[in-house]
Structure formats: structure tokens, C-alpha cells
Amino acid sequence: MAFFPSYKMLQDVYDKAMELSLLSDTEIVCQTTNLSEQEREDFLNRFRTGEHPVLGFCILGGIFSEGIDLVGDSLIGAAIVGTGLPMVCNEREIQMRYFADREDKGFEYAYLYPGMNKVQQAAGRVVRTMEDRGVILLLDERFVSQQVVDTFPAEWADYEVVSLSTIGGKLTDFWQGTE
């Protein structure tokens, strides 16, 4: 699954993927607004069949980024685009000033922690049981800043920073069990 911070970005990337036909052997499914309960189940069932690879385009913080269980080989990876920071609004700004005055962590409580909670929820879809194995890609330069790294759960302590030139080899090593 690939998680995007907005429907606009999701749609832009989906359109580009379809235009380039990069994943011709992969079924690509897209989360849309206002899915019925049956449409949600149909979306998830595409991952459970195992008949062919499926890539789901989903919203970070949306219905598929928490509370779903795709165990085993149903979901072997998540690409999370962006840190999930909430939009700037009056409520968040009031919250930021409140915590800045009391703990000098206004930005963290108003924006960073809620955003990283969304990221961790989405990442948590990959490994649901002790037997599950998968890859989590955090796609945003802000994920290497110390302020963001400090919010990572202990289980992420052995994360690796990769680039476009090294990711292919790292993924191959991971799936072949050599890493």
C-alpha cells in the first residue's frame, strides 16, 4: 500500500503510474471518498486473494491506514509519503501556543506527534503477527531529521536511509534474507 497525505497527491501519482504503465503485472486500486462498507471489503479482499500483485493507493490517516488486518503475504509493504503533519489552522495554532508556553513543545504536540501517529498507524498495517514480514518506506526528507527520528518507536531503531540508487539492492537483500 502507498499512503498519501491528500487525495490530490494520490490522484496525481495514480494518474502518472497509469500513464507510464510501469506496473503492468500489478493491479492498482485507489481509495476514493465515501466508500460503502461493501466497497471497503472489496478493496481489502483484493489483497487477500494472492492471485496477483496489488498496489493500493490510500490516504494517510484514512480508513485503510488503521484498524485493518492483512496478515501473512497479503500486505508485504507500505510506502508512506510525507510525515502526516496536520494542516495549519486556528485550533492547531492555539494548541501550539498552549504547549509552547507550558512545555516548550508547541510544534511537537500540535503538529509533529499527531502526524507521526498517522505514519505509525499506516506502517503498522504491514506486520500484524509474529510471522509477518515486510518493508516500510518513509518517503520524505523530513524523516531523517532528528526531531522526527526521535518520534520513531523502539522497533524502528535499525532503520536505514537509502537512495534511489541503493533501494533496489536493499529490497533484494531483504527479500532474499541476506540482510
C-alpha atoms as a PDB file:
ATOM      1  CA  MET A   1       0.000   0.000   0.000  1.00  0.00           C
ATOM      2  CA  ALA A   2       1.110   3.520  -0.708  1.00  0.00           C
ATOM      3  CA  PHE A   3      -0.194   6.178   1.669  1.00  0.00           C
ATOM      4  CA  PHE A   4      -0.518   9.786   0.544  1.00  0.00           C
ATOM      5  CA  PRO A   5      -1.237  12.949   2.547  1.00  0.00           C
ATOM      6  CA  SER A   6      -4.069  14.090   0.258  1.00  0.00           C
ATOM      7  CA  TYR A   7      -6.472  12.867  -2.395  1.00  0.00           C
ATOM      8  CA  LYS A   8      -4.886  15.344  -4.813  1.00  0.00           C
ATOM      9  CA  MET A   9      -1.418  13.826  -4.455  1.00  0.00           C
ATOM     10  CA  LEU A  10      -2.859  10.300  -4.519  1.00  0.00           C
ATOM     11  CA  GLN A  11      -4.671  11.056  -7.783  1.00  0.00           C
ATOM     12  CA  ASP A  12      -1.645  12.770  -9.357  1.00  0.00           C
ATOM     13  CA  VAL A  13       0.637   9.806  -8.620  1.00  0.00           C
ATOM     14  CA  TYR A  14      -2.034   7.313  -9.689  1.00  0.00           C
ATOM     15  CA  ASP A  15      -2.523   9.145 -12.997  1.00  0.00           C
ATOM     16  CA  LYS A  16       1.242   9.179 -13.622  1.00  0.00           C
ATOM     17  CA  ALA A  17       1.563   5.475 -12.781  1.00  0.00           C
ATOM     18  CA  MET A  18      -1.246   4.649 -15.207  1.00  0.00           C
ATOM     19  CA  GLU A  19       0.254   6.893 -17.897  1.00  0.00           C
ATOM     20  CA  LEU A  20       3.680   5.284 -17.627  1.00  0.00           C
ATOM     21  CA  SER A  21       2.286   1.735 -17.290  1.00  0.00           C
ATOM     22  CA  LEU A  22       5.205   0.887 -15.014  1.00  0.00           C
ATOM     23  CA  LEU A  23       3.329  -1.810 -13.168  1.00  0.00           C
ATOM     24  CA  SER A  24       1.634  -3.750 -15.940  1.00  0.00           C
ATOM     25  CA  ASP A  25       1.576  -7.006 -13.946  1.00  0.00           C
ATOM     26  CA  THR A  26       0.184  -5.288 -10.829  1.00  0.00           C
ATOM     27  CA  GLU A  27      -3.426  -4.411 -10.123  1.00  0.00           C
ATOM     28  CA  ILE A  28      -3.651  -0.860  -8.838  1.00  0.00           C
ATOM     29  CA  VAL A  29      -6.603   0.055  -6.651  1.00  0.00           C
ATOM     30  CA  CYS A  30      -7.413   3.517  -5.354  1.00  0.00           C
ATOM     31  CA  GLN A  31      -9.178   4.627  -2.226  1.00  0.00           C
ATOM     32  CA  THR A  32     -11.939   7.075  -3.030  1.00  0.00           C
ATOM     33  CA  THR A  33     -14.047   9.254  -0.801  1.00  0.00           C
ATOM     34  CA  ASN A  34     -17.216   7.901   0.805  1.00  0.00           C
ATOM     35  CA  LEU A  35     -16.667   4.177   0.213  1.00  0.00           C
ATOM     36  CA  SER A  36     -19.554   1.961   1.297  1.00  0.00           C
ATOM     37  CA  GLU A  37     -18.864  -0.905   3.695  1.00  0.00           C
ATOM     38  CA  GLN A  38     -19.042  -3.354   0.772  1.00  0.00           C
ATOM     39  CA  GLU A  39     -16.586  -1.280  -1.291  1.00  0.00           C
ATOM     40  CA  ARG A  40     -14.177  -1.256   1.643  1.00  0.00           C
ATOM     41  CA  GLU A  41     -14.359  -5.033   1.930  1.00  0.00           C
ATOM     42  CA  ASP A  42     -13.922  -5.453  -1.831  1.00  0.00           C
ATOM     43  CA  PHE A  43     -10.838  -3.190  -1.686  1.00  0.00           C
ATOM     44  CA  LEU A  44      -9.262  -5.258   1.116  1.00  0.00           C
ATOM     45  CA  ASN A  45     -10.218  -8.606  -0.437  1.00  0.00           C
ATOM     46  CA  ARG A  46      -8.106  -7.789  -3.487  1.00  0.00           C
ATOM     47  CA  PHE A  47      -5.066  -8.106  -1.208  1.00  0.00           C
ATOM     48  CA  ARG A  48      -6.221 -11.362   0.358  1.00  0.00           C
ATOM     49  CA  THR A  49      -6.584 -13.472  -2.790  1.00  0.00           C
ATOM     50  CA  GLY A  50      -2.869 -13.685  -3.586  1.00  0.00           C
ATOM     51  CA  GLU A  51      -3.686 -14.241  -7.266  1.00  0.00           C
ATOM     52  CA  HIS A  52      -1.512 -11.347  -8.452  1.00  0.00           C
ATOM     53  CA  PRO A  53       0.347  -8.347  -7.024  1.00  0.00           C
ATOM     54  CA  VAL A  54      -1.860  -5.494  -5.823  1.00  0.00           C
ATOM     55  CA  LEU A  55      -0.859  -1.919  -5.072  1.00  0.00           C
ATOM     56  CA  GLY A  56      -3.332   0.135  -3.088  1.00  0.00           C
ATOM     57  CA  PHE A  57      -3.256   3.912  -3.192  1.00  0.00           C
ATOM     58  CA  CYS A  58      -4.606   5.099   0.163  1.00  0.00           C
ATOM     59  CA  ILE A  59      -4.925   8.198   2.294  1.00  0.00           C
ATOM     60  CA  LEU A  60      -2.589   8.602   5.260  1.00  0.00           C
ATOM     61  CA  GLY A  61      -4.840   8.786   8.308  1.00  0.00           C
ATOM     62  CA  GLY A  62      -7.742   7.317   6.331  1.00  0.00           C
ATOM     63  CA  ILE A  63      -9.815   4.155   6.721  1.00  0.00           C
ATOM     64  CA  PHE A  64      -7.124   1.813   5.377  1.00  0.00           C
ATOM     65  CA  SER A  65      -4.272   3.198   7.446  1.00  0.00           C
ATOM     66  CA  GLU A  66      -5.579   1.860  10.737  1.00  0.00           C
ATOM     67  CA  GLY A  67      -7.749  -0.939  12.011  1.00  0.00           C
ATOM     68  CA  ILE A  68      -7.249  -3.352   9.109  1.00  0.00           C
ATOM     69  CA  ASP A  69      -5.522  -6.716   9.286  1.00  0.00           C
ATOM     70  CA  LEU A  70      -3.902  -8.090   6.147  1.00  0.00           C
ATOM     71  CA  VAL A  71      -1.770 -10.871   7.601  1.00  0.00           C
ATOM     72  CA  GLY A  72       0.837 -13.106   6.020  1.00  0.00           C
ATOM     73  CA  ASP A  73       1.672 -12.232   2.430  1.00  0.00           C
ATOM     74  CA  SER A  74      -1.472 -10.127   1.988  1.00  0.00           C
ATOM     75  CA  LEU A  75       0.436  -6.921   2.672  1.00  0.00           C
ATOM     76  CA  ILE A  76       4.223  -7.003   2.459  1.00  0.00           C
ATOM     77  CA  GLY A  77       4.975  -3.312   2.367  1.00  0.00           C
ATOM     78  CA  ALA A  78       3.879   0.246   2.885  1.00  0.00           C
ATOM     79  CA  ALA A  79       5.211   3.373   1.246  1.00  0.00           C
ATOM     80  CA  ILE A  80       4.328   6.400   3.330  1.00  0.00           C
ATOM     81  CA  VAL A  81       4.597   9.716   1.538  1.00  0.00           C
ATOM     82  CA  GLY A  82       5.024  12.598   3.955  1.00  0.00           C
ATOM     83  CA  THR A  83       5.081  12.994   7.701  1.00  0.00           C
ATOM     84  CA  GLY A  84       1.326  13.334   8.077  1.00  0.00           C
ATOM     85  CA  LEU A  85       1.540  16.777   9.649  1.00  0.00           C
ATOM     86  CA  PRO A  86      -1.920  18.303  10.057  1.00  0.00           C
ATOM     87  CA  MET A  87      -2.895  21.420   8.145  1.00  0.00           C
ATOM     88  CA  VAL A  88      -2.259  24.734   9.856  1.00  0.00           C
ATOM     89  CA  CYS A  89      -5.497  26.006  11.371  1.00  0.00           C
ATOM     90  CA  ASN A  90      -6.654  28.151  14.290  1.00  0.00           C
ATOM     91  CA  GLU A  91      -7.242  25.157  16.566  1.00  0.00           C
ATOM     92  CA  ARG A  92      -3.726  23.782  15.979  1.00  0.00           C
ATOM     93  CA  GLU A  93      -2.162  27.208  16.423  1.00  0.00           C
ATOM     94  CA  ILE A  94      -3.956  27.658  19.759  1.00  0.00           C
ATOM     95  CA  GLN A  95      -2.792  24.200  20.804  1.00  0.00           C
ATOM     96  CA  MET A  96       0.751  25.024  19.716  1.00  0.00           C
ATOM     97  CA  ARG A  97       0.847  28.232  21.773  1.00  0.00           C
ATOM     98  CA  TYR A  98      -0.613  26.419  24.794  1.00  0.00           C
ATOM     99  CA  PHE A  99       2.074  23.705  24.789  1.00  0.00           C
ATOM    100  CA  ALA A 100       4.828  26.137  23.842  1.00  0.00           C
ATOM    101  CA  ASP A 101       4.064  28.143  26.993  1.00  0.00           C
ATOM    102  CA  ARG A 102       3.953  25.093  29.265  1.00  0.00           C
ATOM    103  CA  GLU A 103       6.496  22.586  27.936  1.00  0.00           C
ATOM    104  CA  ASP A 104       8.252  24.400  25.099  1.00  0.00           C
ATOM    105  CA  LYS A 105       6.961  21.686  22.750  1.00  0.00           C
ATOM    106  CA  GLY A 106       4.192  23.509  20.962  1.00  0.00           C
ATOM    107  CA  PHE A 107       5.044  22.318  17.441  1.00  0.00           C
ATOM    108  CA  GLU A 108       5.535  18.756  18.629  1.00  0.00           C
ATOM    109  CA  TYR A 109       2.153  18.450  20.365  1.00  0.00           C
ATOM    110  CA  ALA A 110       0.147  20.392  17.784  1.00  0.00           C
ATOM    111  CA  TYR A 111       1.669  19.013  14.589  1.00  0.00           C
ATOM    112  CA  LEU A 112       4.529  16.510  14.830  1.00  0.00           C
ATOM    113  CA  TYR A 113       3.057  13.944  17.231  1.00  0.00           C
ATOM    114  CA  PRO A 114      -0.374  13.780  15.520  1.00  0.00           C
ATOM    115  CA  GLY A 115       1.342  13.469  12.138  1.00  0.00           C
ATOM    116  CA  MET A 116       3.741  10.757  13.224  1.00  0.00           C
ATOM    117  CA  ASN A 117       0.865   8.900  14.872  1.00  0.00           C
ATOM    118  CA  LYS A 118      -0.711   8.633  11.397  1.00  0.00           C
ATOM    119  CA  VAL A 119       2.598   7.415   9.974  1.00  0.00           C
ATOM    120  CA  GLN A 120       2.983   4.752  12.663  1.00  0.00           C
ATOM    121  CA  GLN A 121      -0.622   3.615  12.216  1.00  0.00           C
ATOM    122  CA  ALA A 122      -0.091   3.167   8.464  1.00  0.00           C
ATOM    123  CA  ALA A 123       3.246   1.399   8.989  1.00  0.00           C
ATOM    124  CA  GLY A 124       1.562  -0.891  11.496  1.00  0.00           C
ATOM    125  CA  ARG A 125      -0.587  -2.398   8.749  1.00  0.00           C
ATOM    126  CA  VAL A 126       2.433  -4.322   7.438  1.00  0.00           C
ATOM    127  CA  VAL A 127       3.350  -6.504  10.407  1.00  0.00           C
ATOM    128  CA  ARG A 128       0.268  -7.783  12.222  1.00  0.00           C
ATOM    129  CA  THR A 129       1.518 -11.143  13.563  1.00  0.00           C
ATOM    130  CA  MET A 130       4.834 -12.630  14.680  1.00  0.00           C
ATOM    131  CA  GLU A 131       5.099 -14.423  11.326  1.00  0.00           C
ATOM    132  CA  ASP A 132       4.545 -11.332   9.159  1.00  0.00           C
ATOM    133  CA  ARG A 133       7.443  -9.760   7.316  1.00  0.00           C
ATOM    134  CA  GLY A 134       7.526  -6.615   5.249  1.00  0.00           C
ATOM    135  CA  VAL A 135       9.115  -3.330   4.281  1.00  0.00           C
ATOM    136  CA  ILE A 136       8.147   0.184   5.300  1.00  0.00           C
ATOM    137  CA  LEU A 137       9.328   3.028   3.100  1.00  0.00           C
ATOM    138  CA  LEU A 138       9.195   6.507   4.603  1.00  0.00           C
ATOM    139  CA  LEU A 139       9.317   8.869   1.645  1.00  0.00           C
ATOM    140  CA  ASP A 140      10.095  12.386   2.751  1.00  0.00           C
ATOM    141  CA  GLU A 141      13.392  14.082   3.582  1.00  0.00           C
ATOM    142  CA  ARG A 142      11.951  15.150   6.931  1.00  0.00           C
ATOM    143  CA  PHE A 143      12.073  11.507   8.100  1.00  0.00           C
ATOM    144  CA  VAL A 144      15.833  11.823   8.599  1.00  0.00           C
ATOM    145  CA  SER A 145      15.640  14.943  10.764  1.00  0.00           C
ATOM    146  CA  GLN A 146      16.482  14.236  14.392  1.00  0.00           C
ATOM    147  CA  GLN A 147      13.207  15.773  15.562  1.00  0.00           C
ATOM    148  CA  VAL A 148      11.240  13.217  13.524  1.00  0.00           C
ATOM    149  CA  VAL A 149      13.597  10.289  14.206  1.00  0.00           C
ATOM    150  CA  ASP A 150      13.092  10.936  17.937  1.00  0.00           C
ATOM    151  CA  THR A 151       9.399  10.024  17.475  1.00  0.00           C
ATOM    152  CA  PHE A 152      10.147   6.591  15.959  1.00  0.00           C
ATOM    153  CA  PRO A 153       9.090   3.600  18.058  1.00  0.00           C
ATOM    154  CA  ALA A 154      11.880   1.449  19.519  1.00  0.00           C
ATOM    155  CA  GLU A 155      11.201  -1.240  16.897  1.00  0.00           C
ATOM    156  CA  TRP A 156      12.426   1.134  14.191  1.00  0.00           C
ATOM    157  CA  ALA A 157      15.869   1.629  15.769  1.00  0.00           C
ATOM    158  CA  ASP A 158      17.605  -0.277  12.959  1.00  0.00           C
ATOM    159  CA  TYR A 159      16.159   1.815  10.122  1.00  0.00           C
ATOM    160  CA  GLU A 160      18.320   2.516   7.091  1.00  0.00           C
ATOM    161  CA  VAL A 161      18.478   5.588   4.894  1.00  0.00           C
ATOM    162  CA  VAL A 162      18.530   4.604   1.228  1.00  0.00           C
ATOM    163  CA  SER A 163      18.523   6.445  -2.073  1.00  0.00           C
ATOM    164  CA  LEU A 164      17.079   5.699  -5.489  1.00  0.00           C
ATOM    165  CA  SER A 165      20.400   4.123  -6.433  1.00  0.00           C
ATOM    166  CA  THR A 166      20.563   1.792  -3.393  1.00  0.00           C
ATOM    167  CA  ILE A 167      16.958   0.850  -2.665  1.00  0.00           C
ATOM    168  CA  GLY A 168      16.739  -1.911  -5.273  1.00  0.00           C
ATOM    169  CA  GLY A 169      19.667  -3.781  -3.785  1.00  0.00           C
ATOM    170  CA  LYS A 170      18.428  -3.311  -0.228  1.00  0.00           C
ATOM    171  CA  LEU A 171      14.987  -4.666  -1.122  1.00  0.00           C
ATOM    172  CA  THR A 172      16.509  -7.632  -2.945  1.00  0.00           C
ATOM    173  CA  ASP A 173      18.745  -8.396   0.043  1.00  0.00           C
ATOM    174  CA  PHE A 174      15.798  -8.127   2.443  1.00  0.00           C
ATOM    175  CA  TRP A 175      13.543 -10.489   0.492  1.00  0.00           C
ATOM    176  CA  GLN A 176      16.344 -12.970  -0.124  1.00  0.00           C
ATOM    177  CA  GLY A 177      17.036 -12.985   3.612  1.00  0.00           C
ATOM    178  CA  THR A 178      20.608 -11.758   3.292  1.00  0.00           C
ATOM    179  CA  GLU A 179      20.008  -8.597   5.297  1.00  0.00           C
END
